[in-house]
Amino acid sequence: MRCNMNNLGKRLKERREQLKYSLKEVSVKTGITDSRLCRIENGQYPCQAGDLKQLGTLYNLPVISLFLDASLHQSRNWVVNT
């Protein structure tokens, strides 16, 4: 099964904005350049496994949730393991 980079990027951007992080803040916290983060969020650059792990940790969400059908997210709320 192939991952749709646009959907993945949209979900990452949605979560970043939900947490009120700027691209620069995420860049500083993860070491991923802000320009690369922007391209990932816009579906223009494939997100590598290491990037997903770092972003999942920072965004406090299981990486697998980024790949689930959006209809499984109730009212755009994220389910996180605590």
Protein backbone atom coordinates (compact mmCIF):
# COMPACT_ATOMS: atom_id res chain seq x y z
CA MET A 1 0.00 0.00 0.00
CA ARG A 2 1.36 3.38 -0.98
CA CYS A 3 1.16 6.34 1.40
CA ASN A 4 -0.36 9.54 0.05
CA MET A 5 2.23 12.21 0.89
CA ASN A 6 -0.33 15.02 0.61
CA ASN A 7 -2.58 13.48 3.27
CA LEU A 8 0.37 12.72 5.53
CA GLY A 9 1.65 16.27 5.16
CA LYS A 10 -1.78 17.74 5.88
CA ARG A 11 -2.07 15.71 9.05
CA LEU A 12 1.39 16.77 10.20
CA LYS A 13 0.60 20.42 9.51
CA GLU A 14 -2.76 20.16 11.26
CA ARG A 15 -1.14 18.72 14.37
CA ARG A 16 1.66 21.30 14.36
CA GLU A 17 -0.86 24.11 14.13
CA GLN A 18 -3.04 22.50 16.79
CA LEU A 19 -0.03 22.61 19.12
CA LYS A 20 0.68 26.21 18.01
CA TYR A 21 4.23 25.40 16.86
CA SER A 22 5.85 27.40 14.10
CA LEU A 23 7.94 25.62 11.47
CA LYS A 24 11.02 27.20 13.04
CA GLU A 25 10.15 25.86 16.51
CA VAL A 26 9.68 22.34 15.15
CA SER A 27 12.93 22.66 13.23
CA VAL A 28 14.84 23.64 16.37
CA LYS A 29 13.27 20.83 18.43
CA THR A 30 13.76 18.09 15.80
CA GLY A 31 16.77 19.13 13.74
CA ILE A 32 14.69 18.88 10.56
CA THR A 33 15.13 22.08 8.53
CA ASP A 34 12.11 24.35 8.35
CA SER A 35 12.22 24.31 4.54
CA ARG A 36 12.15 20.50 4.54
CA LEU A 37 9.27 20.49 7.04
CA CYS A 38 7.36 22.88 4.79
CA ARG A 39 7.92 20.61 1.76
CA ILE A 40 6.84 17.55 3.80
CA GLU A 41 3.66 19.31 4.91
CA ASN A 42 2.91 20.31 1.31
CA GLY A 43 3.45 16.78 0.02
CA GLN A 44 6.48 17.82 -2.02
CA TYR A 45 9.05 15.77 -0.10
CA PRO A 46 8.77 12.23 1.22
CA CYS A 47 8.86 12.01 4.99
CA GLN A 48 11.54 9.57 6.14
CA ALA A 49 11.00 7.14 9.00
CA GLY A 50 13.38 9.06 11.27
CA ASP A 51 11.50 12.29 10.59
CA LEU A 52 8.19 10.62 11.41
CA LYS A 53 9.58 9.26 14.66
CA GLN A 54 10.86 12.68 15.72
CA LEU A 55 7.64 14.45 14.74
CA GLY A 56 5.47 11.81 16.41
CA THR A 57 7.43 12.21 19.63
CA LEU A 58 7.28 16.01 19.52
CA TYR A 59 3.58 16.02 18.59
CA ASN A 60 2.81 13.37 21.22
CA LEU A 61 1.02 11.02 18.87
CA PRO A 62 1.56 7.51 17.59
CA VAL A 63 3.06 7.62 14.10
CA ILE A 64 0.54 5.03 12.90
CA SER A 65 -2.26 7.56 13.48
CA LEU A 66 -0.87 9.61 10.60
CA PHE A 67 -1.59 6.77 8.20
CA LEU A 68 -5.11 5.96 9.36
CA ASP A 69 -8.08 7.03 7.30
CA ALA A 70 -9.15 10.53 8.34
CA SER A 71 -12.65 9.23 8.97
CA LEU A 72 -11.28 7.33 11.95
CA HIS A 73 -10.31 10.59 13.65
CA GLN A 74 -13.42 11.70 15.48
CA SER A 75 -14.01 15.44 15.25
CA ARG A 76 -10.38 15.97 14.26
CA ASN A 77 -9.23 14.99 17.77
CA TRP A 78 -6.05 12.97 18.08
CA VAL A 79 -5.83 9.89 20.23
CA VAL A 80 -2.51 9.64 22.01
CA ASN A 81 -1.02 7.02 24.26
CA THR A 82 -0.02 8.41 27.64
